[in-house]
Amino acid sequence: MAKTKDALKILERTTGGSSTVRQGIANARINLEVAQMIYDARTKAGMSQRELGELIGSRQSVIARLEDADYQGHSLSILQRIGNALGQRLELRYVSANRRGPRRARGLSVSNRLQRRA
């Protein structure tokens, strides 16, 4: 078997392609994407975690938790408050479960992105 550095291929080989593991990976990926989205939007706006927390009526520790890839408690209301504070809106969409490409995890995928208002 040829060596690979592709993390998804390594996980697939290690787990045997279990649907439960694949769903866990898909869920972890969503959490990572949301955390990264918040971090990217905040840093692009030139704000500290404390500043963003104050704008949404929260604390720095809440923003730090939201930017943690292991955090699973993201709510639509907090994401909308962050978007409003940054002059952006929250956009959710469903994408085909059959889509192939870099995101190989199967199942329902929800992509959360903050985008600038048009």
N, C-alpha and C. Protein backbone atom coordinates (compact mmCIF):
# COMPACT_ATOMS: atom_id res chain seq x y z
N MET A 1 0.84 -1.17 0.00
CA MET A 1 0.00 0.00 0.00
C MET A 1 0.88 1.24 0.00
N ALA A 2 0.60 2.17 -0.90
CA ALA A 2 1.40 3.39 -1.02
C ALA A 2 1.16 4.31 0.18
N LYS A 3 2.23 5.00 0.59
CA LYS A 3 2.10 5.95 1.70
C LYS A 3 1.39 7.19 1.21
N THR A 4 0.64 7.81 2.13
CA THR A 4 -0.07 9.04 1.81
C THR A 4 0.00 9.99 3.00
N LYS A 5 -0.12 11.26 2.72
CA LYS A 5 -0.18 12.28 3.77
C LYS A 5 -1.59 12.84 3.88
N ASP A 6 -2.52 12.34 3.06
CA ASP A 6 -3.90 12.79 3.05
C ASP A 6 -4.60 12.27 4.31
N ALA A 7 -4.96 13.19 5.23
CA ALA A 7 -5.53 12.81 6.51
C ALA A 7 -6.83 12.02 6.35
N LEU A 8 -7.66 12.40 5.39
CA LEU A 8 -8.92 11.68 5.20
C LEU A 8 -8.68 10.23 4.74
N LYS A 9 -7.71 10.04 3.87
CA LYS A 9 -7.39 8.69 3.42
C LYS A 9 -6.82 7.85 4.56
N ILE A 10 -5.99 8.47 5.39
CA ILE A 10 -5.42 7.76 6.54
C ILE A 10 -6.53 7.36 7.51
N LEU A 11 -7.44 8.28 7.79
CA LEU A 11 -8.57 7.96 8.68
C LEU A 11 -9.43 6.84 8.10
N GLU A 12 -9.67 6.89 6.81
CA GLU A 12 -10.48 5.87 6.17
C GLU A 12 -9.81 4.50 6.29
N ARG A 13 -8.51 4.45 6.07
CA ARG A 13 -7.78 3.19 6.21
C ARG A 13 -7.81 2.69 7.65
N THR A 14 -7.64 3.61 8.59
CA THR A 14 -7.57 3.25 10.00
C THR A 14 -8.92 2.78 10.53
N THR A 15 -9.99 3.41 10.12
CA THR A 15 -11.32 3.12 10.66
C THR A 15 -12.10 2.13 9.83
N GLY A 16 -11.62 1.81 8.66
CA GLY A 16 -12.34 0.89 7.80
C GLY A 16 -13.54 1.52 7.11
N GLY A 17 -13.62 2.83 7.12
CA GLY A 17 -14.71 3.51 6.42
C GLY A 17 -16.04 3.41 7.13
N SER A 18 -16.05 3.23 8.44
CA SER A 18 -17.27 3.13 9.23
C SER A 18 -18.15 4.37 9.03
N SER A 19 -19.45 4.16 8.81
CA SER A 19 -20.36 5.28 8.61
C SER A 19 -20.48 6.13 9.88
N THR A 20 -20.38 5.52 11.04
CA THR A 20 -20.42 6.26 12.30
C THR A 20 -19.21 7.17 12.42
N VAL A 21 -18.05 6.65 12.07
CA VAL A 21 -16.83 7.46 12.13
C VAL A 21 -16.90 8.57 11.09
N ARG A 22 -17.39 8.25 9.91
CA ARG A 22 -17.52 9.28 8.87
C ARG A 22 -18.44 10.41 9.32
N GLN A 23 -19.55 10.07 9.98
CA GLN A 23 -20.47 11.09 10.46
C GLN A 23 -19.80 11.92 11.55
N GLY A 24 -19.03 11.28 12.41
CA GLY A 24 -18.29 12.01 13.44
C GLY A 24 -17.29 12.98 12.84
N ILE A 25 -16.62 12.54 11.79
CA ILE A 25 -15.67 13.41 11.09
C ILE A 25 -16.40 14.58 10.44
N ALA A 26 -17.55 14.31 9.84
CA ALA A 26 -18.34 15.38 9.21
C ALA A 26 -18.77 16.41 10.25
N ASN A 27 -19.21 15.94 11.41
CA ASN A 27 -19.62 16.86 12.48
C ASN A 27 -18.44 17.67 12.99
N ALA A 28 -17.30 17.03 13.15
CA ALA A 28 -16.10 17.73 13.61
C ALA A 28 -15.67 18.79 12.59
N ARG A 29 -15.82 18.47 11.32
CA ARG A 29 -15.46 19.41 10.26
C ARG A 29 -16.36 20.65 10.32
N ILE A 30 -17.65 20.46 10.56
CA ILE A 30 -18.56 21.60 10.67
C ILE A 30 -18.15 22.49 11.84
N ASN A 31 -17.86 21.88 12.99
CA ASN A 31 -17.42 22.66 14.15
C ASN A 31 -16.15 23.44 13.84
N LEU A 32 -15.21 22.79 13.16
CA LEU A 32 -13.96 23.46 12.78
C LEU A 32 -14.24 24.63 11.84
N GLU A 33 -15.10 24.42 10.84
CA GLU A 33 -15.39 25.48 9.88
C GLU A 33 -16.07 26.68 10.55
N VAL A 34 -16.97 26.42 11.48
CA VAL A 34 -17.65 27.52 12.17
C VAL A 34 -16.65 28.29 13.03
N ALA A 35 -15.82 27.56 13.78
CA ALA A 35 -14.81 28.21 14.61
C ALA A 35 -13.86 29.06 13.76
N GLN A 36 -13.41 28.50 12.65
CA GLN A 36 -12.50 29.22 11.76
C GLN A 36 -13.18 30.44 11.14
N MET A 37 -14.45 30.29 10.79
CA MET A 37 -15.21 31.38 10.20
C MET A 37 -15.30 32.56 11.17
N ILE A 38 -15.57 32.27 12.43
CA ILE A 38 -15.67 33.33 13.44
C ILE A 38 -14.31 34.00 13.62
N TYR A 39 -13.27 33.20 13.74
CA TYR A 39 -11.91 33.74 13.91
C TYR A 39 -11.53 34.62 12.73
N ASP A 40 -11.75 34.12 11.51
CA ASP A 40 -11.38 34.87 10.30
C ASP A 40 -12.13 36.19 10.22
N ALA A 41 -13.44 36.16 10.48
CA ALA A 41 -14.24 37.38 10.40
C ALA A 41 -13.79 38.40 11.46
N ARG A 42 -13.50 37.91 12.66
CA ARG A 42 -13.08 38.80 13.74
C ARG A 42 -11.73 39.43 13.44
N THR A 43 -10.76 38.62 13.03
CA THR A 43 -9.42 39.16 12.77
C THR A 43 -9.41 40.06 11.54
N LYS A 44 -10.23 39.74 10.56
CA LYS A 44 -10.32 40.61 9.37
C LYS A 44 -10.87 41.98 9.76
N ALA A 45 -11.76 42.00 10.76
CA ALA A 45 -12.32 43.27 11.24
C ALA A 45 -11.35 43.98 12.18
N GLY A 46 -10.21 43.34 12.49
CA GLY A 46 -9.21 43.95 13.35
C GLY A 46 -9.63 44.03 14.81
N MET A 47 -10.45 43.09 15.25
CA MET A 47 -10.95 43.10 16.62
C MET A 47 -10.31 42.02 17.47
N SER A 48 -10.20 42.32 18.74
CA SER A 48 -9.78 41.30 19.70
C SER A 48 -11.01 40.50 20.12
N GLN A 49 -10.79 39.39 20.78
CA GLN A 49 -11.91 38.61 21.29
C GLN A 49 -12.70 39.44 22.31
N ARG A 50 -12.02 40.20 23.11
CA ARG A 50 -12.68 41.04 24.12
C ARG A 50 -13.58 42.07 23.45
N GLU A 51 -13.07 42.72 22.41
CA GLU A 51 -13.85 43.75 21.70
C GLU A 51 -15.10 43.17 21.07
N LEU A 52 -14.96 42.02 20.42
CA LEU A 52 -16.12 41.38 19.80
C LEU A 52 -17.11 40.95 20.87
N GLY A 53 -16.62 40.40 21.96
CA GLY A 53 -17.49 40.00 23.06
C GLY A 53 -18.31 41.17 23.58
N GLU A 54 -17.66 42.31 23.75
CA GLU A 54 -18.36 43.50 24.23
C GLU A 54 -19.43 43.95 23.23
N LEU A 55 -19.13 43.87 21.94
CA LEU A 55 -20.09 44.29 20.92
C LEU A 55 -21.35 43.43 20.92
N ILE A 56 -21.21 42.16 21.24
CA ILE A 56 -22.38 41.27 21.23
C ILE A 56 -22.97 41.07 22.62
N GLY A 57 -22.44 41.82 23.59
CA GLY A 57 -22.97 41.72 24.95
C GLY A 57 -22.54 40.46 25.67
N SER A 58 -21.30 40.05 25.42
CA SER A 58 -20.78 38.83 26.01
C SER A 58 -19.37 39.07 26.53
N ARG A 59 -18.67 38.00 26.84
CA ARG A 59 -17.30 38.09 27.37
C ARG A 59 -16.29 37.51 26.38
N GLN A 60 -15.04 37.87 26.61
CA GLN A 60 -13.94 37.35 25.79
C GLN A 60 -13.91 35.83 25.83
N SER A 61 -14.17 35.24 26.99
CA SER A 61 -14.11 33.78 27.13
C SER A 61 -15.15 33.09 26.24
N VAL A 62 -16.28 33.73 26.01
CA VAL A 62 -17.30 33.16 25.13
C VAL A 62 -16.79 33.13 23.69
N ILE A 63 -16.16 34.21 23.27
CA ILE A 63 -15.60 34.26 21.91
C ILE A 63 -14.50 33.22 21.76
N ALA A 64 -13.65 33.09 22.77
CA ALA A 64 -12.58 32.08 22.72
C ALA A 64 -13.18 30.68 22.57
N ARG A 65 -14.23 30.40 23.31
CA ARG A 65 -14.89 29.08 23.24
C ARG A 65 -15.49 28.87 21.84
N LEU A 66 -16.12 29.92 21.28
CA LEU A 66 -16.72 29.80 19.95
C LEU A 66 -15.67 29.57 18.86
N GLU A 67 -14.45 30.08 19.09
CA GLU A 67 -13.37 29.92 18.12
C GLU A 67 -12.59 28.62 18.33
N ASP A 68 -13.00 27.81 19.28
CA ASP A 68 -12.35 26.53 19.56
C ASP A 68 -12.99 25.45 18.67
N ALA A 69 -12.20 24.76 17.88
CA ALA A 69 -12.71 23.76 16.95
C ALA A 69 -13.42 22.61 17.66
N ASP A 70 -13.16 22.39 18.94
CA ASP A 70 -13.80 21.31 19.68
C ASP A 70 -15.16 21.70 20.25
N TYR A 71 -15.50 22.97 20.19
CA TYR A 71 -16.76 23.44 20.75
C TYR A 71 -17.92 23.03 19.86
N GLN A 72 -19.00 22.52 20.47
CA GLN A 72 -20.14 22.03 19.70
C GLN A 72 -21.42 22.80 19.96
N GLY A 73 -21.37 23.91 20.69
CA GLY A 73 -22.57 24.61 21.09
C GLY A 73 -22.90 25.86 20.31
N HIS A 74 -22.43 25.96 19.07
CA HIS A 74 -22.74 27.15 18.26
C HIS A 74 -24.24 27.23 18.03
N SER A 75 -24.81 28.40 18.26
CA SER A 75 -26.23 28.59 18.01
C SER A 75 -26.40 29.62 16.91
N LEU A 76 -27.53 29.54 16.23
CA LEU A 76 -27.80 30.51 15.17
C LEU A 76 -27.87 31.92 15.73
N SER A 77 -28.43 32.08 16.91
CA SER A 77 -28.57 33.44 17.45
C SER A 77 -27.20 34.07 17.75
N ILE A 78 -26.27 33.31 18.29
CA ILE A 78 -24.94 33.89 18.58
C ILE A 78 -24.21 34.17 17.28
N LEU A 79 -24.36 33.30 16.29
CA LEU A 79 -23.71 33.53 14.99
C LEU A 79 -24.29 34.78 14.31
N GLN A 80 -25.60 34.98 14.45
CA GLN A 80 -26.22 36.17 13.88
C GLN A 80 -25.76 37.43 14.62
N ARG A 81 -25.64 37.36 15.93
CA ARG A 81 -25.16 38.51 16.70
C ARG A 81 -23.74 38.88 16.30
N ILE A 82 -22.90 37.87 16.09
CA ILE A 82 -21.52 38.13 15.65
C ILE A 82 -21.54 38.79 14.27
N GLY A 83 -22.33 38.23 13.36
CA GLY A 83 -22.43 38.81 12.02
C GLY A 83 -22.89 40.25 12.07
N ASN A 84 -23.92 40.54 12.85
CA ASN A 84 -24.41 41.91 12.98
C ASN A 84 -23.34 42.83 13.53
N ALA A 85 -22.60 42.37 14.54
CA ALA A 85 -21.55 43.19 15.14
C ALA A 85 -20.45 43.50 14.15
N LEU A 86 -20.22 42.60 13.20
CA LEU A 86 -19.16 42.78 12.21
C LEU A 86 -19.68 43.37 10.90
N GLY A 87 -20.96 43.76 10.88
CA GLY A 87 -21.54 44.32 9.66
C GLY A 87 -21.73 43.29 8.57
N GLN A 88 -21.99 42.06 8.98
CA GLN A 88 -22.17 40.96 8.03
C GLN A 88 -23.47 40.24 8.35
N ARG A 89 -23.88 39.36 7.44
CA ARG A 89 -25.06 38.55 7.70
C ARG A 89 -24.67 37.08 7.66
N LEU A 90 -25.43 36.27 8.34
CA LEU A 90 -25.20 34.84 8.37
C LEU A 90 -25.94 34.19 7.21
N GLU A 91 -25.26 33.30 6.50
CA GLU A 91 -25.88 32.59 5.39
C GLU A 91 -25.69 31.10 5.61
N LEU A 92 -26.78 30.36 5.62
CA LEU A 92 -26.75 28.89 5.76
C LEU A 92 -27.22 28.27 4.46
N ARG A 93 -26.71 27.11 4.16
CA ARG A 93 -27.19 26.42 2.96
C ARG A 93 -26.97 24.93 3.10
N TYR A 94 -27.82 24.16 2.44
CA TYR A 94 -27.65 22.73 2.34
C TYR A 94 -26.91 22.44 1.04
N VAL A 95 -26.01 21.48 1.08
CA VAL A 95 -25.31 21.05 -0.13
C VAL A 95 -25.54 19.57 -0.33
N SER A 96 -25.41 19.13 -1.54
CA SER A 96 -25.67 17.74 -1.87
C SER A 96 -24.81 16.79 -1.04
N ALA A 97 -25.42 15.76 -0.52
CA ALA A 97 -24.70 14.74 0.25
C ALA A 97 -23.83 13.90 -0.67
N ASN A 98 -24.06 13.97 -1.97
CA ASN A 98 -23.30 13.18 -2.93
C ASN A 98 -22.10 13.93 -3.49
N ARG A 99 -21.90 15.17 -3.04
CA ARG A 99 -20.81 15.99 -3.57
C ARG A 99 -19.46 15.35 -3.26
N ARG A 100 -18.60 15.33 -4.23
CA ARG A 100 -17.25 14.81 -4.07
C ARG A 100 -16.27 15.96 -4.12
N GLY A 101 -15.07 15.73 -3.72
CA GLY A 101 -14.04 16.75 -3.74
C GLY A 101 -13.34 16.79 -2.40
N PRO A 102 -12.81 17.94 -2.02
CA PRO A 102 -12.06 18.03 -0.78
C PRO A 102 -12.86 17.61 0.44
N ARG A 103 -14.17 17.85 0.44
CA ARG A 103 -15.01 17.45 1.55
C ARG A 103 -15.62 16.10 1.22
N ARG A 104 -14.97 15.04 1.60
CA ARG A 104 -15.38 13.71 1.23
C ARG A 104 -16.36 13.08 2.20
N ALA A 105 -16.56 13.68 3.36
CA ALA A 105 -17.47 13.10 4.35
C ALA A 105 -18.89 13.06 3.76
N ARG A 106 -19.57 11.94 3.96
CA ARG A 106 -20.91 11.76 3.42
C ARG A 106 -21.94 12.20 4.45
N GLY A 107 -23.16 12.38 4.02
CA GLY A 107 -24.23 12.74 4.93
C GLY A 107 -24.62 14.19 4.75
N LEU A 108 -25.55 14.63 5.58
CA LEU A 108 -26.03 16.00 5.50
C LEU A 108 -24.92 16.95 5.89
N SER A 109 -24.68 17.91 5.08
CA SER A 109 -23.64 18.89 5.34
C SER A 109 -24.26 20.26 5.38
N VAL A 110 -24.00 21.00 6.44
CA VAL A 110 -24.47 22.37 6.54
C VAL A 110 -23.25 23.25 6.50
N SER A 111 -23.22 24.17 5.58
CA SER A 111 -22.09 25.08 5.47
C SER A 111 -22.50 26.41 6.05
N ASN A 112 -21.76 26.89 7.04
CA ASN A 112 -22.05 28.17 7.67
C ASN A 112 -20.98 29.15 7.25
N ARG A 113 -21.42 30.27 6.67
CA ARG A 113 -20.46 31.28 6.26
C ARG A 113 -20.99 32.66 6.58
N LEU A 114 -20.12 33.51 7.04
CA LEU A 114 -20.47 34.91 7.18
C LEU A 114 -19.98 35.59 5.91
N GLN A 115 -20.86 36.33 5.27
CA GLN A 115 -20.47 37.03 4.05
C GLN A 115 -20.82 38.50 4.19
N ARG A 116 -20.05 39.33 3.54
CA ARG A 116 -20.32 40.77 3.55
C ARG A 116 -21.67 41.04 2.92
N ARG A 117 -22.36 42.02 3.48
CA ARG A 117 -23.63 42.43 2.89
C ARG A 117 -23.40 43.07 1.54
N ALA A 118 -24.25 42.76 0.63
CA ALA A 118 -24.12 43.33 -0.72
C ALA A 118 -24.52 44.78 -0.76
